[in-house]
Protein backbone atom coordinates (compact mmCIF):
# COMPACT_ATOMS: atom_id res chain seq x y z
CA UNK A 1 -138.09 49.80 49.92
CA UNK A 2 -140.39 50.92 47.13
CA UNK A 3 -140.36 54.61 46.20
CA UNK A 4 -143.67 56.43 46.58
CA UNK A 5 -145.40 58.65 44.04
CA UNK A 6 -148.60 60.72 44.02
CA UNK A 7 -150.31 62.28 41.00
CA UNK A 8 -153.56 64.22 40.60
CA UNK A 9 -155.31 64.53 37.24
CA UNK A 10 -158.68 65.83 36.12
CA UNK A 11 -161.04 64.42 33.53
CA UNK A 12 -164.17 65.92 32.04
CA UNK A 13 -166.20 62.67 32.30
CA UNK A 14 -168.26 61.58 35.30
CA UNK A 15 -166.40 59.42 37.85
CA UNK A 16 -168.01 56.20 36.54
CA UNK A 17 -167.13 57.00 32.91
CA UNK A 18 -163.61 58.10 33.90
CA UNK A 19 -163.03 54.85 35.79
CA UNK A 20 -164.23 52.77 32.83
CA UNK A 21 -161.96 54.68 30.46
CA UNK A 22 -158.94 54.49 32.78
CA UNK A 23 -159.40 50.74 33.34
CA UNK A 24 -158.52 50.14 29.69
CA UNK A 25 -156.16 53.08 29.19
CA UNK A 26 -153.89 52.37 32.17
CA UNK A 27 -153.07 48.78 31.19
CA UNK A 28 -149.85 49.63 29.32
CA UNK A 29 -148.65 52.49 31.57
CA UNK A 30 -149.14 50.30 34.67
CA UNK A 31 -147.30 47.44 33.00
CA UNK A 32 -144.41 49.79 32.17
CA UNK A 33 -143.95 50.48 35.89
CA UNK A 34 -144.29 46.79 36.78
CA UNK A 35 -147.93 46.61 37.92
CA UNK A 36 -151.20 45.08 36.75
CA UNK A 37 -154.86 45.61 37.63
CA UNK A 38 -155.86 43.29 40.48
CA UNK A 39 -159.03 44.83 41.87
CA UNK A 40 -161.90 47.16 41.10
CA UNK A 41 -164.31 48.82 43.44
CA UNK A 42 -166.68 51.77 43.32
CA UNK A 43 -164.48 54.74 42.46
CA UNK A 44 -161.22 52.81 42.80
CA UNK A 45 -158.75 50.64 40.85
CA UNK A 46 -156.02 48.62 42.62
CA UNK A 47 -152.76 47.48 41.03
CA UNK A 48 -150.11 45.01 42.26
CA UNK A 49 -147.05 43.29 40.75
CA UNK A 50 -148.00 40.55 38.26
CA UNK A 51 -147.64 36.92 39.29
CA UNK A 52 -144.66 35.48 37.42
CA UNK A 53 -141.81 33.04 37.74
CA UNK A 54 -139.90 32.99 40.03
CA UNK A 55 -142.61 33.49 42.61
CA UNK A 56 -140.03 34.59 45.20
CA UNK A 57 -139.52 37.75 43.11
CA UNK A 58 -143.25 38.51 43.22
CA UNK A 59 -143.34 37.92 46.95
CA UNK A 60 -140.35 40.25 47.42
CA UNK A 61 -142.06 43.00 45.38
CA UNK A 62 -145.27 42.66 47.41
CA UNK A 63 -143.41 42.75 50.73
CA UNK A 64 -141.41 45.71 49.41
CA UNK A 65 -144.69 47.63 49.08
CA UNK A 66 -145.03 47.91 45.31
CA UNK A 67 -148.65 48.80 44.57
CA UNK A 68 -150.87 51.54 43.16
CA UNK A 69 -154.38 52.81 43.86
CA UNK A 70 -156.32 55.04 41.47
CA UNK A 71 -159.32 56.89 42.95
CA UNK A 72 -162.07 58.70 41.06
CA UNK A 73 -163.98 61.47 42.85
CA UNK A 74 -166.32 64.19 41.59
CA UNK A 75 -164.46 67.47 41.06
CA UNK A 76 -165.82 70.72 42.47
CA UNK A 77 -165.95 72.29 39.00
CA UNK A 78 -167.56 69.24 37.37
CA UNK A 79 -165.89 66.24 35.87
CA UNK A 80 -163.64 63.93 37.87
CA UNK A 81 -160.56 64.29 40.04
CA UNK A 82 -158.29 61.29 39.57
CA UNK A 83 -155.74 60.57 42.30
CA UNK A 84 -152.97 58.04 41.67
CA UNK A 85 -151.06 56.93 44.78
CA UNK A 86 -148.52 54.18 44.85
CA UNK A 87 -145.01 52.94 45.23
CA UNK A 88 -142.75 51.20 42.73
CA UNK A 89 -139.19 49.95 42.48
CA UNK A 90 -136.73 52.82 42.61
CA UNK A 91 -135.79 52.23 38.95
CA UNK A 92 -139.43 52.74 37.85
CA UNK A 93 -140.34 55.59 40.24
CA UNK A 94 -139.34 58.41 37.89
CA UNK A 95 -141.64 57.05 35.15
CA UNK A 96 -144.49 56.38 37.59
CA UNK A 97 -144.27 59.91 39.03
CA UNK A 98 -144.45 61.54 35.57
CA UNK A 99 -148.02 62.87 35.05
CA UNK A 100 -147.57 62.73 31.26
CA UNK A 101 -147.01 58.97 31.48
CA UNK A 102 -150.60 58.65 32.69
CA UNK A 103 -152.29 61.50 30.77
CA UNK A 104 -150.86 60.32 27.43
CA UNK A 105 -152.78 57.07 27.89
CA UNK A 106 -156.04 58.91 28.49
């Protein structure tokens, strides 16, 4: 089973600006933990394993529960509270759970 992680960050921008910035900035960090952007919604980014050959591997990773959701909500003190929830392969969990891995990109 995939290993879960949960990180909370804060940004000084509004939620819309923070989401736009994170969309570009999280490309490499997400790829490093084996995920890619697959969906965008208001205040949310969704990541899943990339489609690759052999497809059975991708299917296994999806059934295993590898995924990540990034949510952007207004913070009480102004700015944005960013919540990153997800699960990755056990070998990538330590990197995914490291807040600096994500804040360095921002």
